[in-house]
PDB file of N, CA and C in Angstrom:
ATOM      1  N   MET A   1       0.829  -1.176   0.000  1.00  0.00           N
ATOM      2  CA  MET A   1       0.000   0.000   0.000  1.00  0.00           C
ATOM      3  C   MET A   1       0.880   1.248   0.000  1.00  0.00           C
ATOM      4  N   ALA A   2       0.599   2.166  -0.888  1.00  0.00           N
ATOM      5  CA  ALA A   2       1.394   3.382  -1.026  1.00  0.00           C
ATOM      6  C   ALA A   2       1.003   4.417   0.031  1.00  0.00           C
ATOM      7  N   VAL A   3       1.978   5.178   0.445  1.00  0.00           N
ATOM      8  CA  VAL A   3       1.746   6.260   1.402  1.00  0.00           C
ATOM      9  C   VAL A   3       1.335   7.499   0.616  1.00  0.00           C
ATOM     10  N   PRO A   4       0.288   8.199   1.032  1.00  0.00           N
ATOM     11  CA  PRO A   4      -0.114   9.426   0.331  1.00  0.00           C
ATOM     12  C   PRO A   4       1.014  10.447   0.297  1.00  0.00           C
ATOM     13  N   LYS A   5       1.098  11.216  -0.790  1.00  0.00           N
ATOM     14  CA  LYS A   5       2.181  12.179  -0.949  1.00  0.00           C
ATOM     15  C   LYS A   5       2.283  13.166   0.205  1.00  0.00           C
ATOM     16  N   ASN A   6       1.153  13.646   0.696  1.00  0.00           N
ATOM     17  CA  ASN A   6       1.213  14.661   1.740  1.00  0.00           C
ATOM     18  C   ASN A   6       1.776  14.127   3.059  1.00  0.00           C
ATOM     19  N   GLN A   7       1.820  12.828   3.254  1.00  0.00           N
ATOM     20  CA  GLN A   7       2.405  12.267   4.467  1.00  0.00           C
ATOM     21  C   GLN A   7       3.906  12.062   4.332  1.00  0.00           C
ATOM     22  N   LYS A   8       4.432  12.075   3.109  1.00  0.00           N
ATOM     23  CA  LYS A   8       5.862  11.912   2.896  1.00  0.00           C
ATOM     24  C   LYS A   8       6.622  13.213   3.132  1.00  0.00           C
ATOM     25  N   ARG A   9       5.961  14.322   2.951  1.00  0.00           N
ATOM     26  CA  ARG A   9       6.617  15.618   3.048  1.00  0.00           C
ATOM     27  C   ARG A   9       6.850  16.005   4.499  1.00  0.00           C
ATOM     28  N   ARG A  10       8.015  16.585   4.728  1.00  0.00           N
ATOM     29  CA  ARG A  10       8.351  17.062   6.059  1.00  0.00           C
ATOM     30  C   ARG A  10       8.559  18.566   5.991  1.00  0.00           C
ATOM     31  N   ARG A  11       8.061  19.259   6.986  1.00  0.00           N
ATOM     32  CA  ARG A  11       8.218  20.709   7.019  1.00  0.00           C
ATOM     33  C   ARG A  11       9.678  21.052   7.305  1.00  0.00           C
ATOM     34  N   ILE A  12      10.130  22.159   6.728  1.00  0.00           N
ATOM     35  CA  ILE A  12      11.520  22.594   6.829  1.00  0.00           C
ATOM     36  C   ILE A  12      11.583  23.895   7.609  1.00  0.00           C
ATOM     37  N   GLU A  13      12.535  23.980   8.548  1.00  0.00           N
ATOM     38  CA  GLU A  13      12.761  25.216   9.292  1.00  0.00           C
ATOM     39  C   GLU A  13      14.057  25.855   8.818  1.00  0.00           C
ATOM     40  N   ARG A  14      14.023  27.170   8.641  1.00  0.00           N
ATOM     41  CA  ARG A  14      15.263  27.912   8.372  1.00  0.00           C
ATOM     42  C   ARG A  14      15.736  28.432   9.717  1.00  0.00           C
ATOM     43  N   ILE A  15      16.985  28.174  10.047  1.00  0.00           N
ATOM     44  CA  ILE A  15      17.528  28.576  11.347  1.00  0.00           C
ATOM     45  C   ILE A  15      18.740  29.484  11.158  1.00  0.00           C
ATOM     46  N   ASP A  16      18.935  30.390  12.107  1.00  0.00           N
ATOM     47  CA  ASP A  16      20.124  31.239  12.071  1.00  0.00           C
ATOM     48  C   ASP A  16      21.253  30.536  12.822  1.00  0.00           C
ATOM     49  N   SER A  17      22.412  31.180  12.870  1.00  0.00           N
ATOM     50  CA  SER A  17      23.579  30.540  13.489  1.00  0.00           C
ATOM     51  C   SER A  17      23.420  30.323  14.988  1.00  0.00           C
ATOM     52  N   ALA A  18      22.463  31.015  15.617  1.00  0.00           N
ATOM     53  CA  ALA A  18      22.198  30.815  17.048  1.00  0.00           C
ATOM     54  C   ALA A  18      21.183  29.704  17.290  1.00  0.00           C
ATOM     55  N   GLY A  19      20.608  29.153  16.215  1.00  0.00           N
ATOM     56  CA  GLY A  19      19.636  28.073  16.348  1.00  0.00           C
ATOM     57  C   GLY A  19      18.194  28.528  16.415  1.00  0.00           C
ATOM     58  N   ASN A  20      17.956  29.823  16.216  1.00  0.00           N
ATOM     59  CA  ASN A  20      16.595  30.361  16.242  1.00  0.00           C
ATOM     60  C   ASN A  20      15.895  30.116  14.907  1.00  0.00           C
ATOM     61  N   VAL A  21      14.644  29.722  14.954  1.00  0.00           N
ATOM     62  CA  VAL A  21      13.868  29.479  13.741  1.00  0.00           C
ATOM     63  C   VAL A  21      13.444  30.827  13.168  1.00  0.00           C
ATOM     64  N   THR A  22      13.807  31.068  11.896  1.00  0.00           N
ATOM     65  CA  THR A  22      13.465  32.340  11.254  1.00  0.00           C
ATOM     66  C   THR A  22      12.362  32.189  10.218  1.00  0.00           C
ATOM     67  N   ALA A  23      12.113  30.964   9.755  1.00  0.00           N
ATOM     68  CA  ALA A  23      11.039  30.720   8.791  1.00  0.00           C
ATOM     69  C   ALA A  23      10.716  29.234   8.770  1.00  0.00           C
ATOM     70  N   VAL A  24       9.493  28.904   8.357  1.00  0.00           N
ATOM     71  CA  VAL A  24       9.060  27.515   8.223  1.00  0.00           C
ATOM     72  C   VAL A  24       8.456  27.354   6.823  1.00  0.00           C
ATOM     73  N   TYR A  25       8.843  26.269   6.149  1.00  0.00           N
ATOM     74  CA  TYR A  25       8.380  25.998   4.787  1.00  0.00           C
ATOM     75  C   TYR A  25       7.682  24.644   4.736  1.00  0.00           C
ATOM     76  N   ARG A  26       6.787  24.484   3.773  1.00  0.00           N
ATOM     77  CA  ARG A  26       6.026  23.234   3.639  1.00  0.00           C
ATOM     78  C   ARG A  26       6.909  22.068   3.239  1.00  0.00           C
ATOM     79  N   ASN A  27       7.918  22.319   2.411  1.00  0.00           N
ATOM     80  CA  ASN A  27       8.775  21.239   1.923  1.00  0.00           C
ATOM     81  C   ASN A  27      10.099  21.814   1.419  1.00  0.00           C
ATOM     82  N   GLU A  28      10.995  20.941   0.970  1.00  0.00           N
ATOM     83  CA  GLU A  28      12.309  21.360   0.496  1.00  0.00           C
ATOM     84  C   GLU A  28      12.208  22.250  -0.738  1.00  0.00           C
ATOM     85  N   THR A  29      11.274  21.958  -1.613  1.00  0.00           N
ATOM     86  CA  THR A  29      11.125  22.738  -2.837  1.00  0.00           C
ATOM     87  C   THR A  29      10.765  24.188  -2.524  1.00  0.00           C
ATOM     88  N   GLU A  30       9.814  24.394  -1.624  1.00  0.00           N
ATOM     89  CA  GLU A  30       9.425  25.749  -1.256  1.00  0.00           C
ATOM     90  C   GLU A  30      10.590  26.484  -0.591  1.00  0.00           C
ATOM     91  N   ALA A  31      11.309  25.811   0.298  1.00  0.00           N
ATOM     92  CA  ALA A  31      12.457  26.427   0.971  1.00  0.00           C
ATOM     93  C   ALA A  31      13.526  26.830  -0.047  1.00  0.00           C
ATOM     94  N   ALA A  32      13.763  25.986  -1.025  1.00  0.00           N
ATOM     95  CA  ALA A  32      14.758  26.283  -2.051  1.00  0.00           C
ATOM     96  C   ALA A  32      14.343  27.496  -2.885  1.00  0.00           C
ATOM     97  N   LYS A  33      13.106  27.529  -3.320  1.00  0.00           N
ATOM     98  CA  LYS A  33      12.632  28.638  -4.146  1.00  0.00           C
ATOM     99  C   LYS A  33      12.660  29.968  -3.400  1.00  0.00           C
ATOM    100  N   LYS A  34      12.219  29.979  -2.159  1.00  0.00           N
ATOM    101  CA  LYS A  34      12.145  31.221  -1.380  1.00  0.00           C
ATOM    102  C   LYS A  34      13.523  31.765  -1.017  1.00  0.00           C
ATOM    103  N   ASN A  35      14.540  30.898  -0.996  1.00  0.00           N
ATOM    104  CA  ASN A  35      15.886  31.315  -0.613  1.00  0.00           C
ATOM    105  C   ASN A  35      16.869  31.282  -1.775  1.00  0.00           C
ATOM    106  N   TYR A  36      16.359  31.095  -3.000  1.00  0.00           N
ATOM    107  CA  TYR A  36      17.178  31.096  -4.219  1.00  0.00           C
ATOM    108  C   TYR A  36      18.315  30.079  -4.152  1.00  0.00           C
ATOM    109  N   LEU A  37      17.977  28.876  -3.717  1.00  0.00           N
ATOM    110  CA  LEU A  37      18.933  27.777  -3.624  1.00  0.00           C
ATOM    111  C   LEU A  37      18.408  26.579  -4.409  1.00  0.00           C
ATOM    112  N   SER A  38      19.260  25.597  -4.616  1.00  0.00           N
ATOM    113  CA  SER A  38      18.794  24.360  -5.231  1.00  0.00           C
ATOM    114  C   SER A  38      18.132  23.485  -4.162  1.00  0.00           C
ATOM    115  N   LYS A  39      17.268  22.604  -4.605  1.00  0.00           N
ATOM    116  CA  LYS A  39      16.617  21.673  -3.678  1.00  0.00           C
ATOM    117  C   LYS A  39      17.665  20.768  -3.031  1.00  0.00           C
ATOM    118  N   ALA A  40      18.702  20.424  -3.784  1.00  0.00           N
ATOM    119  CA  ALA A  40      19.773  19.574  -3.251  1.00  0.00           C
ATOM    120  C   ALA A  40      20.511  20.268  -2.098  1.00  0.00           C
ATOM    121  N   SER A  41      20.723  21.578  -2.200  1.00  0.00           N
ATOM    122  CA  SER A  41      21.389  22.319  -1.123  1.00  0.00           C
ATOM    123  C   SER A  41      20.569  22.279   0.155  1.00  0.00           C
ATOM    124  N   VAL A  42      19.275  22.482   0.034  1.00  0.00           N
ATOM    125  CA  VAL A  42      18.392  22.434   1.199  1.00  0.00           C
ATOM    126  C   VAL A  42      18.384  21.028   1.785  1.00  0.00           C
ATOM    127  N   SER A  43      18.267  20.029   0.926  1.00  0.00           N
ATOM    128  CA  SER A  43      18.239  18.642   1.375  1.00  0.00           C
ATOM    129  C   SER A  43      19.527  18.263   2.111  1.00  0.00           C
ATOM    130  N   ASN A  44      20.670  18.656   1.557  1.00  0.00           N
ATOM    131  CA  ASN A  44      21.957  18.346   2.191  1.00  0.00           C
ATOM    132  C   ASN A  44      22.062  18.961   3.577  1.00  0.00           C
ATOM    133  N   ARG A  45      21.561  20.170   3.734  1.00  0.00           N
ATOM    134  CA  ARG A  45      21.609  20.824   5.044  1.00  0.00           C
ATOM    135  C   ARG A  45      20.658  20.146   6.025  1.00  0.00           C
ATOM    136  N   CYS A  46      19.497  19.727   5.559  1.00  0.00           N
ATOM    137  CA  CYS A  46      18.537  19.034   6.436  1.00  0.00           C
ATOM    138  C   CYS A  46      19.067  17.683   6.905  1.00  0.00           C
ATOM    139  N   HIS A  47      19.830  17.026   6.052  1.00  0.00           N
ATOM    140  CA  HIS A  47      20.361  15.703   6.370  1.00  0.00           C
ATOM    141  C   HIS A  47      21.776  15.762   6.954  1.00  0.00           C
ATOM    142  N   ASN A  48      22.225  16.981   7.325  1.00  0.00           N
ATOM    143  CA  ASN A  48      23.551  17.199   7.927  1.00  0.00           C
ATOM    144  C   ASN A  48      24.691  16.677   7.070  1.00  0.00           C
ATOM    145  N   LYS A  49      24.592  16.865   5.770  1.00  0.00           N
ATOM    146  CA  LYS A  49      25.653  16.442   4.862  1.00  0.00           C
ATOM    147  C   LYS A  49      26.598  17.593   4.520  1.00  0.00           C
ATOM    148  N   THR A  50      26.344  18.766   5.060  1.00  0.00           N
ATOM    149  CA  THR A  50      27.176  19.942   4.822  1.00  0.00           C
ATOM    150  C   THR A  50      28.107  20.123   6.011  1.00  0.00           C
ATOM    151  N   LYS A  51      29.414  20.194   5.740  1.00  0.00           N
ATOM    152  CA  LYS A  51      30.385  20.275   6.836  1.00  0.00           C
ATOM    153  C   LYS A  51      30.274  21.574   7.619  1.00  0.00           C
ATOM    154  N   LYS A  52      30.176  22.702   6.918  1.00  0.00           N
ATOM    155  CA  LYS A  52      30.082  24.004   7.574  1.00  0.00           C
ATOM    156  C   LYS A  52      28.864  24.737   7.017  1.00  0.00           C
ATOM    157  N   PRO A  53      27.682  24.445   7.536  1.00  0.00           N
ATOM    158  CA  PRO A  53      26.456  24.982   6.946  1.00  0.00           C
ATOM    159  C   PRO A  53      26.315  26.504   7.037  1.00  0.00           C
ATOM    160  N   PHE A  54      26.996  27.167   7.963  1.00  0.00           N
ATOM    161  CA  PHE A  54      26.848  28.609   8.119  1.00  0.00           C
ATOM    162  C   PHE A  54      27.997  29.397   7.492  1.00  0.00           C
ATOM    163  N   LYS A  55      28.924  28.717   6.811  1.00  0.00           N
ATOM    164  CA  LYS A  55      30.093  29.403   6.265  1.00  0.00           C
ATOM    165  C   LYS A  55      29.723  30.384   5.154  1.00  0.00           C
ATOM    166  N   SER A  56      28.956  29.963   4.178  1.00  0.00           N
ATOM    167  CA  SER A  56      28.633  30.834   3.049  1.00  0.00           C
ATOM    168  C   SER A  56      27.388  31.675   3.266  1.00  0.00           C
ATOM    169  N   MET A  57      26.524  31.262   4.192  1.00  0.00           N
ATOM    170  CA  MET A  57      25.297  31.991   4.507  1.00  0.00           C
ATOM    171  C   MET A  57      25.161  32.083   6.014  1.00  0.00           C
ATOM    172  N   ASP A  58      24.342  32.999   6.466  1.00  0.00           N
ATOM    173  CA  ASP A  58      24.154  33.096   7.916  1.00  0.00           C
ATOM    174  C   ASP A  58      22.929  32.317   8.380  1.00  0.00           C
ATOM    175  N   PHE A  59      22.476  31.353   7.573  1.00  0.00           N
ATOM    176  CA  PHE A  59      21.356  30.500   7.960  1.00  0.00           C
ATOM    177  C   PHE A  59      21.534  29.104   7.400  1.00  0.00           C
ATOM    178  N   SER A  60      20.786  28.158   7.943  1.00  0.00           N
ATOM    179  CA  SER A  60      20.795  26.783   7.476  1.00  0.00           C
ATOM    180  C   SER A  60      19.373  26.245   7.567  1.00  0.00           C
ATOM    181  N   PHE A  61      19.202  24.947   7.302  1.00  0.00           N
ATOM    182  CA  PHE A  61      17.884  24.338   7.322  1.00  0.00           C
ATOM    183  C   PHE A  61      17.908  23.053   8.132  1.00  0.00           C
ATOM    184  N   ARG A  62      16.744  22.691   8.653  1.00  0.00           N
ATOM    185  CA  ARG A  62      16.580  21.408   9.335  1.00  0.00           C
ATOM    186  C   ARG A  62      15.111  21.012   9.210  1.00  0.00           C
ATOM    187  N   PHE A  63      14.843  19.744   9.443  1.00  0.00           N
ATOM    188  CA  PHE A  63      13.464  19.290   9.452  1.00  0.00           C
ATOM    189  C   PHE A  63      12.797  19.810  10.712  1.00  0.00           C
ATOM    190  N   GLU A  64      11.510  20.108  10.637  1.00  0.00           N
ATOM    191  CA  GLU A  64      10.785  20.684  11.751  1.00  0.00           C
ATOM    192  C   GLU A  64      10.813  19.791  12.992  1.00  0.00           C
ATOM    193  N   ASP A  65      10.805  18.476  12.808  1.00  0.00           N
ATOM    194  CA  ASP A  65      10.783  17.567  13.947  1.00  0.00           C
ATOM    195  C   ASP A  65      12.183  17.183  14.438  1.00  0.00           C
ATOM    196  N   SER A  66      13.227  17.847  13.927  1.00  0.00           N
ATOM    197  CA  SER A  66      14.585  17.580  14.377  1.00  0.00           C
ATOM    198  C   SER A  66      14.894  18.362  15.645  1.00  0.00           C
ATOM    199  N   PRO A  67      15.798  17.858  16.473  1.00  0.00           N
ATOM    200  CA  PRO A  67      16.161  18.592  17.710  1.00  0.00           C
ATOM    201  C   PRO A  67      16.993  19.824  17.409  1.00  0.00           C
TER     202      PRO A  67
END
């Protein structure tokens, strides 16, 4: 049985270097478009695949349900 599309999506939070949430997006695509980034860049930051996420920008991304 397939999972409905809306249950697969996870909300994305944009955070500053202090860890404060500055924006919330419905999904990676919306976060990428609103911040002029690729979807892969947002995804890499959410999955902690970026070594220094705040080096080039003063914000990063994480999933809403992440600590």
